[in-house]
């Protein structure tokens, strides 16, 4: 017999979202927090901490190969180059 779901708050996922400690990176005066995703080797989330919005980007590289700080900075510069200064979002 299958049990019917009960109303209420869904239980939080107990698995960690990120592996290891975040890396704080400042590029051209912009602050980012970079975190490796747990269970997804080579995938990182970049949170733009000093940006005008709660915004950032994700990036996947070679599985199992840690991203160097230089590669993180290069990825951030590429992201910032695509930002429209008037809106603070990716240019269209």
PDB file of N, CA and C in Angstrom:
ATOM      1  N   UNK A   1       0.842  -1.172   0.000  1.00  0.00           N
ATOM      2  CA  UNK A   1       0.000   0.000   0.000  1.00  0.00           C
ATOM      3  C   UNK A   1       0.893   1.242   0.000  1.00  0.00           C
ATOM      4  N   UNK A   2       0.620   2.173  -0.926  1.00  0.00           N
ATOM      5  CA  UNK A   2       1.389   3.409  -1.026  1.00  0.00           C
ATOM      6  C   UNK A   2       0.809   4.443  -0.088  1.00  0.00           C
ATOM      7  N   UNK A   3       1.710   5.080   0.652  1.00  0.00           N
ATOM      8  CA  UNK A   3       1.276   6.117   1.588  1.00  0.00           C
ATOM      9  C   UNK A   3       1.098   7.441   0.861  1.00  0.00           C
ATOM     10  N   UNK A   4       0.016   8.128   1.101  1.00  0.00           N
ATOM     11  CA  UNK A   4      -0.262   9.426   0.491  1.00  0.00           C
ATOM     12  C   UNK A   4       0.593  10.497   1.171  1.00  0.00           C
ATOM     13  N   UNK A   5       1.082  11.484   0.405  1.00  0.00           N
ATOM     14  CA  UNK A   5       1.839  12.568   1.028  1.00  0.00           C
ATOM     15  C   UNK A   5       0.955  13.365   1.981  1.00  0.00           C
ATOM     16  N   UNK A   6       1.575  13.866   3.024  1.00  0.00           N
ATOM     17  CA  UNK A   6       0.846  14.666   4.006  1.00  0.00           C
ATOM     18  C   UNK A   6       1.162  16.137   3.787  1.00  0.00           C
ATOM     19  N   UNK A   7       0.202  17.029   4.030  1.00  0.00           N
ATOM     20  CA  UNK A   7       0.471  18.456   3.866  1.00  0.00           C
ATOM     21  C   UNK A   7       1.512  18.925   4.882  1.00  0.00           C
ATOM     22  N   UNK A   8       2.231  19.954   4.490  1.00  0.00           N
ATOM     23  CA  UNK A   8       3.229  20.534   5.382  1.00  0.00           C
ATOM     24  C   UNK A   8       4.455  20.952   4.598  1.00  0.00           C
ATOM     25  N   UNK A   9       5.496  21.279   5.299  1.00  0.00           N
ATOM     26  CA  UNK A   9       6.734  21.729   4.689  1.00  0.00           C
ATOM     27  C   UNK A   9       7.523  20.514   4.215  1.00  0.00           C
ATOM     28  N   UNK A  10       8.020  20.607   2.986  1.00  0.00           N
ATOM     29  CA  UNK A  10       8.831  19.516   2.437  1.00  0.00           C
ATOM     30  C   UNK A  10      10.148  19.448   3.204  1.00  0.00           C
ATOM     31  N   UNK A  11      10.632  18.251   3.475  1.00  0.00           N
ATOM     32  CA  UNK A  11      11.914  18.146   4.182  1.00  0.00           C
ATOM     33  C   UNK A  11      13.051  18.684   3.327  1.00  0.00           C
ATOM     34  N   UNK A  12      13.997  19.328   3.981  1.00  0.00           N
ATOM     35  CA  UNK A  12      15.149  19.869   3.268  1.00  0.00           C
ATOM     36  C   UNK A  12      16.035  18.731   2.800  1.00  0.00           C
ATOM     37  N   UNK A  13      16.648  18.954   1.643  1.00  0.00           N
ATOM     38  CA  UNK A  13      17.607  17.995   1.113  1.00  0.00           C
ATOM     39  C   UNK A  13      18.803  17.982   2.062  1.00  0.00           C
ATOM     40  N   UNK A  14      19.164  16.829   2.554  1.00  0.00           N
ATOM     41  CA  UNK A  14      20.241  16.727   3.532  1.00  0.00           C
ATOM     42  C   UNK A  14      21.624  16.611   2.897  1.00  0.00           C
ATOM     43  N   UNK A  15      21.683  16.424   1.568  1.00  0.00           N
ATOM     44  CA  UNK A  15      22.981  16.303   0.923  1.00  0.00           C
ATOM     45  C   UNK A  15      23.586  17.694   0.739  1.00  0.00           C
ATOM     46  N   UNK A  16      24.889  17.810   0.885  1.00  0.00           N
ATOM     47  CA  UNK A  16      25.519  19.127   0.743  1.00  0.00           C
ATOM     48  C   UNK A  16      25.461  19.600  -0.709  1.00  0.00           C
ATOM     49  N   UNK A  17      25.236  20.879  -0.877  1.00  0.00           N
ATOM     50  CA  UNK A  17      25.174  21.442  -2.230  1.00  0.00           C
ATOM     51  C   UNK A  17      26.570  21.715  -2.772  1.00  0.00           C
ATOM     52  N   UNK A  18      27.506  22.061  -1.886  1.00  0.00           N
ATOM     53  CA  UNK A  18      28.852  22.408  -2.314  1.00  0.00           C
ATOM     54  C   UNK A  18      29.891  21.555  -1.606  1.00  0.00           C
ATOM     55  N   UNK A  19      31.000  21.341  -2.309  1.00  0.00           N
ATOM     56  CA  UNK A  19      32.115  20.567  -1.761  1.00  0.00           C
ATOM     57  C   UNK A  19      33.240  21.527  -1.377  1.00  0.00           C
ATOM     58  N   UNK A  20      33.770  21.370  -0.195  1.00  0.00           N
ATOM     59  CA  UNK A  20      34.889  22.199   0.235  1.00  0.00           C
ATOM     60  C   UNK A  20      34.478  23.618   0.582  1.00  0.00           C
ATOM     61  N   UNK A  21      35.474  24.412   0.885  1.00  0.00           N
ATOM     62  CA  UNK A  21      35.246  25.801   1.257  1.00  0.00           C
ATOM     63  C   UNK A  21      35.159  26.679   0.013  1.00  0.00           C
ATOM     64  N   UNK A  22      34.364  27.759   0.080  1.00  0.00           N
ATOM     65  CA  UNK A  22      34.307  28.680  -1.057  1.00  0.00           C
ATOM     66  C   UNK A  22      35.630  29.417  -1.217  1.00  0.00           C
ATOM     67  N   UNK A  23      35.886  29.874  -2.432  1.00  0.00           N
ATOM     68  CA  UNK A  23      37.068  30.680  -2.741  1.00  0.00           C
ATOM     69  C   UNK A  23      36.564  32.090  -3.032  1.00  0.00           C
ATOM     70  N   UNK A  24      37.132  33.068  -2.356  1.00  0.00           N
ATOM     71  CA  UNK A  24      36.769  34.461  -2.587  1.00  0.00           C
ATOM     72  C   UNK A  24      37.753  35.040  -3.600  1.00  0.00           C
ATOM     73  N   UNK A  25      37.222  35.628  -4.681  1.00  0.00           N
ATOM     74  CA  UNK A  25      38.059  36.151  -5.762  1.00  0.00           C
ATOM     75  C   UNK A  25      37.599  37.570  -6.077  1.00  0.00           C
ATOM     76  N   UNK A  26      38.550  38.501  -6.151  1.00  0.00           N
ATOM     77  CA  UNK A  26      38.262  39.872  -6.564  1.00  0.00           C
ATOM     78  C   UNK A  26      38.929  40.113  -7.907  1.00  0.00           C
ATOM     79  N   UNK A  27      38.133  40.542  -8.881  1.00  0.00           N
ATOM     80  CA  UNK A  27      38.628  40.817 -10.230  1.00  0.00           C
ATOM     81  C   UNK A  27      38.139  42.198 -10.643  1.00  0.00           C
ATOM     82  N   UNK A  28      39.081  43.067 -10.969  1.00  0.00           N
ATOM     83  CA  UNK A  28      38.747  44.424 -11.421  1.00  0.00           C
ATOM     84  C   UNK A  28      37.778  45.115 -10.470  1.00  0.00           C
ATOM     85  N   UNK A  29      37.957  44.920  -9.167  1.00  0.00           N
ATOM     86  CA  UNK A  29      37.136  45.562  -8.153  1.00  0.00           C
ATOM     87  C   UNK A  29      35.812  44.876  -7.863  1.00  0.00           C
ATOM     88  N   UNK A  30      35.556  43.737  -8.496  1.00  0.00           N
ATOM     89  CA  UNK A  30      34.308  42.993  -8.283  1.00  0.00           C
ATOM     90  C   UNK A  30      34.597  41.741  -7.467  1.00  0.00           C
ATOM     91  N   UNK A  31      33.785  41.516  -6.447  1.00  0.00           N
ATOM     92  CA  UNK A  31      33.974  40.375  -5.544  1.00  0.00           C
ATOM     93  C   UNK A  31      33.061  39.220  -5.934  1.00  0.00           C
ATOM     94  N   UNK A  32      33.641  38.019  -5.985  1.00  0.00           N
ATOM     95  CA  UNK A  32      32.905  36.802  -6.312  1.00  0.00           C
ATOM     96  C   UNK A  32      33.228  35.720  -5.287  1.00  0.00           C
ATOM     97  N   UNK A  33      32.243  34.878  -5.029  1.00  0.00           N
ATOM     98  CA  UNK A  33      32.433  33.660  -4.238  1.00  0.00           C
ATOM     99  C   UNK A  33      32.316  32.510  -5.232  1.00  0.00           C
ATOM    100  N   UNK A  34      33.346  31.652  -5.256  1.00  0.00           N
ATOM    101  CA  UNK A  34      33.365  30.520  -6.179  1.00  0.00           C
ATOM    102  C   UNK A  34      33.275  29.246  -5.353  1.00  0.00           C
ATOM    103  N   UNK A  35      32.321  28.367  -5.722  1.00  0.00           N
ATOM    104  CA  UNK A  35      32.115  27.127  -4.982  1.00  0.00           C
ATOM    105  C   UNK A  35      32.002  25.955  -5.953  1.00  0.00           C
ATOM    106  N   UNK A  36      32.655  24.864  -5.592  1.00  0.00           N
ATOM    107  CA  UNK A  36      32.559  23.639  -6.384  1.00  0.00           C
ATOM    108  C   UNK A  36      31.291  22.900  -5.979  1.00  0.00           C
ATOM    109  N   UNK A  37      30.518  22.463  -6.959  1.00  0.00           N
ATOM    110  CA  UNK A  37      29.288  21.728  -6.661  1.00  0.00           C
ATOM    111  C   UNK A  37      29.611  20.313  -6.194  1.00  0.00           C
ATOM    112  N   UNK A  38      28.958  19.896  -5.143  1.00  0.00           N
ATOM    113  CA  UNK A  38      29.124  18.536  -4.623  1.00  0.00           C
ATOM    114  C   UNK A  38      28.520  17.553  -5.622  1.00  0.00           C
ATOM    115  N   UNK A  39      29.236  16.484  -5.880  1.00  0.00           N
ATOM    116  CA  UNK A  39      28.735  15.444  -6.765  1.00  0.00           C
ATOM    117  C   UNK A  39      28.789  15.789  -8.236  1.00  0.00           C
ATOM    118  N   UNK A  40      29.349  16.946  -8.582  1.00  0.00           N
ATOM    119  CA  UNK A  40      29.475  17.360  -9.981  1.00  0.00           C
ATOM    120  C   UNK A  40      30.898  17.850 -10.231  1.00  0.00           C
ATOM    121  N   UNK A  41      31.855  16.940 -10.290  1.00  0.00           N
ATOM    122  CA  UNK A  41      33.256  17.341 -10.457  1.00  0.00           C
ATOM    123  C   UNK A  41      33.448  18.248 -11.676  1.00  0.00           C
ATOM    124  N   UNK A  42      34.200  19.322 -11.477  1.00  0.00           N
ATOM    125  CA  UNK A  42      34.483  20.256 -12.560  1.00  0.00           C
ATOM    126  C   UNK A  42      33.419  21.316 -12.769  1.00  0.00           C
ATOM    127  N   UNK A  43      32.378  21.341 -11.914  1.00  0.00           N
ATOM    128  CA  UNK A  43      31.308  22.328 -12.041  1.00  0.00           C
ATOM    129  C   UNK A  43      31.369  23.297 -10.871  1.00  0.00           C
ATOM    130  N   UNK A  44      31.317  24.591 -11.205  1.00  0.00           N
ATOM    131  CA  UNK A  44      31.476  25.651 -10.202  1.00  0.00           C
ATOM    132  C   UNK A  44      30.360  26.671 -10.335  1.00  0.00           C
ATOM    133  N   UNK A  45      29.991  27.269  -9.202  1.00  0.00           N
ATOM    134  CA  UNK A  45      29.058  28.389  -9.172  1.00  0.00           C
ATOM    135  C   UNK A  45      29.826  29.632  -8.748  1.00  0.00           C
ATOM    136  N   UNK A  46      29.608  30.719  -9.482  1.00  0.00           N
ATOM    137  CA  UNK A  46      30.252  32.003  -9.222  1.00  0.00           C
ATOM    138  C   UNK A  46      29.158  32.967  -8.781  1.00  0.00           C
ATOM    139  N   UNK A  47      29.196  33.429  -7.545  1.00  0.00           N
ATOM    140  CA  UNK A  47      28.224  34.384  -7.018  1.00  0.00           C
ATOM    141  C   UNK A  47      28.855  35.773  -7.016  1.00  0.00           C
ATOM    142  N   UNK A  48      28.221  36.718  -7.706  1.00  0.00           N
ATOM    143  CA  UNK A  48      28.718  38.093  -7.816  1.00  0.00           C
ATOM    144  C   UNK A  48      28.271  38.855  -6.580  1.00  0.00           C
ATOM    145  N   UNK A  49      29.139  38.937  -5.600  1.00  0.00           N
ATOM    146  CA  UNK A  49      28.793  39.510  -4.300  1.00  0.00           C
ATOM    147  C   UNK A  49      28.695  41.029  -4.315  1.00  0.00           C
ATOM    148  N   UNK A  50      29.473  41.686  -5.159  1.00  0.00           N
ATOM    149  CA  UNK A  50      29.479  43.150  -5.184  1.00  0.00           C
ATOM    150  C   UNK A  50      28.648  43.710  -6.333  1.00  0.00           C
ATOM    151  N   UNK A  51      27.955  42.861  -7.053  1.00  0.00           N
ATOM    152  CA  UNK A  51      27.145  43.308  -8.182  1.00  0.00           C
ATOM    153  C   UNK A  51      25.874  44.001  -7.729  1.00  0.00           C
ATOM    154  N   UNK A  52      25.193  44.637  -8.671  1.00  0.00           N
ATOM    155  CA  UNK A  52      23.976  45.370  -8.322  1.00  0.00           C
ATOM    156  C   UNK A  52      22.768  44.473  -8.044  1.00  0.00           C
ATOM    157  N   UNK A  53      22.883  43.181  -8.382  1.00  0.00           N
ATOM    158  CA  UNK A  53      21.771  42.240  -8.208  1.00  0.00           C
ATOM    159  C   UNK A  53      22.304  40.941  -7.605  1.00  0.00           C
ATOM    160  N   UNK A  54      21.411  40.110  -7.125  1.00  0.00           N
ATOM    161  CA  UNK A  54      21.758  38.756  -6.686  1.00  0.00           C
ATOM    162  C   UNK A  54      21.944  37.953  -7.975  1.00  0.00           C
ATOM    163  N   UNK A  55      23.177  37.827  -8.417  1.00  0.00           N
ATOM    164  CA  UNK A  55      23.443  37.349  -9.762  1.00  0.00           C
ATOM    165  C   UNK A  55      24.758  36.593  -9.789  1.00  0.00           C
ATOM    166  N   UNK A  56      24.957  35.811 -10.803  1.00  0.00           N
ATOM    167  CA  UNK A  56      26.203  35.079 -10.971  1.00  0.00           C
ATOM    168  C   UNK A  56      26.081  34.139 -12.145  1.00  0.00           C
ATOM    169  N   UNK A  57      26.933  33.114 -12.165  1.00  0.00           N
ATOM    170  CA  UNK A  57      26.917  32.169 -13.267  1.00  0.00           C
ATOM    171  C   UNK A  57      27.527  30.849 -12.835  1.00  0.00           C
ATOM    172  N   UNK A  58      27.248  29.823 -13.600  1.00  0.00           N
ATOM    173  CA  UNK A  58      27.827  28.505 -13.377  1.00  0.00           C
ATOM    174  C   UNK A  58      28.734  28.153 -14.533  1.00  0.00           C
ATOM    175  N   UNK A  59      29.686  27.278 -14.266  1.00  0.00           N
ATOM    176  CA  UNK A  59      30.654  26.897 -15.288  1.00  0.00           C
ATOM    177  C   UNK A  59      31.053  25.453 -15.078  1.00  0.00           C
ATOM    178  N   UNK A  60      31.070  24.684 -16.162  1.00  0.00           N
ATOM    179  CA  UNK A  60      31.516  23.292 -16.102  1.00  0.00           C
ATOM    180  C   UNK A  60      32.763  23.130 -16.958  1.00  0.00           C
ATOM    181  N   UNK A  61      33.715  22.419 -16.415  1.00  0.00           N
ATOM    182  CA  UNK A  61      34.951  22.139 -17.139  1.00  0.00           C
ATOM    183  C   UNK A  61      35.195  20.651 -17.158  1.00  0.00           C
ATOM    184  N   UNK A  62      36.447  20.282 -17.257  1.00  0.00           N
ATOM    185  CA  UNK A  62      36.808  18.866 -17.279  1.00  0.00           C
ATOM    186  C   UNK A  62      36.500  18.237 -15.921  1.00  0.00           C
ATOM    187  N   UNK A  63      35.740  17.163 -15.938  1.00  0.00           N
ATOM    188  CA  UNK A  63      35.371  16.472 -14.697  1.00  0.00           C
ATOM    189  C   UNK A  63      36.618  16.001 -13.965  1.00  0.00           C
ATOM    190  N   UNK A  64      36.645  16.286 -12.681  1.00  0.00           N
ATOM    191  CA  UNK A  64      37.746  15.822 -11.852  1.00  0.00           C
ATOM    192  C   UNK A  64      38.970  16.718 -11.875  1.00  0.00           C
ATOM    193  N   UNK A  65      38.971  17.738 -12.730  1.00  0.00           N
ATOM    194  CA  UNK A  65      40.106  18.652 -12.789  1.00  0.00           C
ATOM    195  C   UNK A  65      39.756  19.923 -12.037  1.00  0.00           C
ATOM    196  N   UNK A  66      40.430  20.199 -10.919  1.00  0.00           N
ATOM    197  CA  UNK A  66      40.129  21.420 -10.169  1.00  0.00           C
ATOM    198  C   UNK A  66      40.439  22.668 -11.001  1.00  0.00           C
ATOM    199  N   UNK A  67      39.632  23.684 -10.853  1.00  0.00           N
ATOM    200  CA  UNK A  67      39.832  24.939 -11.569  1.00  0.00           C
ATOM    201  C   UNK A  67      40.875  25.775 -10.847  1.00  0.00           C
ATOM    202  N   UNK A  68      41.841  26.272 -11.576  1.00  0.00           N
ATOM    203  CA  UNK A  68      42.881  27.114 -10.980  1.00  0.00           C
ATOM    204  C   UNK A  68      42.323  28.505 -10.711  1.00  0.00           C
ATOM    205  N   UNK A  69      42.990  29.233  -9.840  1.00  0.00           N
ATOM    206  CA  UNK A  69      42.565  30.604  -9.540  1.00  0.00           C
ATOM    207  C   UNK A  69      42.654  31.468 -10.802  1.00  0.00           C
ATOM    208  N   UNK A  70      43.687  31.269 -11.619  1.00  0.00           N
ATOM    209  CA  UNK A  70      43.823  32.031 -12.867  1.00  0.00           C
ATOM    210  C   UNK A  70      42.639  31.747 -13.797  1.00  0.00           C
ATOM    211  N   UNK A  71      42.191  30.505 -13.865  1.00  0.00           N
ATOM    212  CA  UNK A  71      41.048  30.144 -14.705  1.00  0.00           C
ATOM    213  C   UNK A  71      39.772  30.769 -14.148  1.00  0.00           C
ATOM    214  N   UNK A  72      39.648  30.829 -12.823  1.00  0.00           N
ATOM    215  CA  UNK A  72      38.487  31.479 -12.209  1.00  0.00           C
ATOM    216  C   UNK A  72      38.460  32.959 -12.580  1.00  0.00           C
ATOM    217  N   UNK A  73      39.610  33.611 -12.485  1.00  0.00           N
ATOM    218  CA  UNK A  73      39.693  35.036 -12.807  1.00  0.00           C
ATOM    219  C   UNK A  73      39.366  35.284 -14.280  1.00  0.00           C
ATOM    220  N   UNK A  74      39.845  34.421 -15.151  1.00  0.00           N
ATOM    221  CA  UNK A  74      39.557  34.545 -16.580  1.00  0.00           C
ATOM    222  C   UNK A  74      38.059  34.385 -16.847  1.00  0.00           C
ATOM    223  N   UNK A  75      37.433  33.415 -16.190  1.00  0.00           N
ATOM    224  CA  UNK A  75      35.988  33.201 -16.359  1.00  0.00           C
ATOM    225  C   UNK A  75      35.206  34.418 -15.867  1.00  0.00           C
ATOM    226  N   UNK A  76      35.629  34.998 -14.751  1.00  0.00           N
ATOM    227  CA  UNK A  76      34.956  36.182 -14.201  1.00  0.00           C
ATOM    228  C   UNK A  76      35.110  37.363 -15.151  1.00  0.00           C
ATOM    229  N   UNK A  77      36.301  37.560 -15.697  1.00  0.00           N
ATOM    230  CA  UNK A  77      36.509  38.667 -16.646  1.00  0.00           C
ATOM    231  C   UNK A  77      35.615  38.507 -17.878  1.00  0.00           C
ATOM    232  N   UNK A  78      35.481  37.279 -18.354  1.00  0.00           N
ATOM    233  CA  UNK A  78      34.602  37.017 -19.491  1.00  0.00           C
ATOM    234  C   UNK A  78      33.154  37.338 -19.162  1.00  0.00           C
ATOM    235  N   UNK A  79      32.732  36.956 -17.960  1.00  0.00           N
ATOM    236  CA  UNK A  79      31.372  37.256 -17.501  1.00  0.00           C
ATOM    237  C   UNK A  79      31.160  38.764 -17.412  1.00  0.00           C
ATOM    238  N   UNK A  80      32.087  39.478 -16.775  1.00  0.00           N
ATOM    239  CA  UNK A  80      31.946  40.923 -16.599  1.00  0.00           C
ATOM    240  C   UNK A  80      31.927  41.654 -17.939  1.00  0.00           C
ATOM    241  N   UNK A  81      32.654  41.140 -18.931  1.00  0.00           N
ATOM    242  CA  UNK A  81      32.679  41.762 -20.254  1.00  0.00           C
ATOM    243  C   UNK A  81      31.317  41.692 -20.934  1.00  0.00           C
ATOM    244  N   UNK A  82      30.486  40.744 -20.532  1.00  0.00           N
ATOM    245  CA  UNK A  82      29.166  40.562 -21.129  1.00  0.00           C
ATOM    246  C   UNK A  82      28.062  41.324 -20.398  1.00  0.00           C
ATOM    247  N   UNK A  83      28.404  41.984 -19.279  1.00  0.00           N
ATOM    248  CA  UNK A  83      27.408  42.693 -18.473  1.00  0.00           C
ATOM    249  C   UNK A  83      27.125  44.075 -19.062  1.00  0.00           C
ATOM    250  N   UNK A  84      25.855  44.402 -19.191  1.00  0.00           N
ATOM    251  CA  UNK A  84      25.430  45.726 -19.631  1.00  0.00           C
ATOM    252  C   UNK A  84      25.536  46.668 -18.429  1.00  0.00           C
ATOM    253  N   UNK A  85      26.392  47.692 -18.502  1.00  0.00           N
ATOM    254  CA  UNK A  85      26.562  48.577 -17.349  1.00  0.00           C
ATOM    255  C   UNK A  85      25.278  49.313 -16.951  1.00  0.00           C
ATOM    256  N   UNK A  86      24.372  49.511 -17.877  1.00  0.00           N
ATOM    257  CA  UNK A  86      23.131  50.231 -17.584  1.00  0.00           C
ATOM    258  C   UNK A  86      22.169  49.378 -16.744  1.00  0.00           C
ATOM    259  N   UNK A  87      22.175  48.059 -16.969  1.00  0.00           N
ATOM    260  CA  UNK A  87      21.221  47.212 -16.264  1.00  0.00           C
ATOM    261  C   UNK A  87      21.857  46.331 -15.199  1.00  0.00           C
ATOM    262  N   UNK A  88      23.143  46.022 -15.347  1.00  0.00           N
ATOM    263  CA  UNK A  88      23.809  45.113 -14.426  1.00  0.00           C
ATOM    264  C   UNK A  88      23.532  43.654 -14.744  1.00  0.00           C
ATOM    265  N   UNK A  89      22.882  43.400 -15.879  1.00  0.00           N
ATOM    266  CA  UNK A  89      22.598  42.037 -16.333  1.00  0.00           C
ATOM    267  C   UNK A  89      23.337  41.755 -17.631  1.00  0.00           C
ATOM    268  N   UNK A  90      23.336  40.507 -18.057  1.00  0.00           N
ATOM    269  CA  UNK A  90      23.942  40.150 -19.338  1.00  0.00           C
ATOM    270  C   UNK A  90      23.319  40.990 -20.455  1.00  0.00           C
ATOM    271  N   UNK A  91      24.171  41.512 -21.316  1.00  0.00           N
ATOM    272  CA  UNK A  91      23.687  42.297 -22.456  1.00  0.00           C
ATOM    273  C   UNK A  91      22.946  41.383 -23.415  1.00  0.00           C
ATOM    274  N   UNK A  92      21.965  41.932 -24.094  1.00  0.00           N
ATOM    275  CA  UNK A  92      21.171  41.101 -25.023  1.00  0.00           C
ATOM    276  C   UNK A  92      21.573  41.300 -26.437  1.00  0.00           C
TER     277      UNK A  92
END
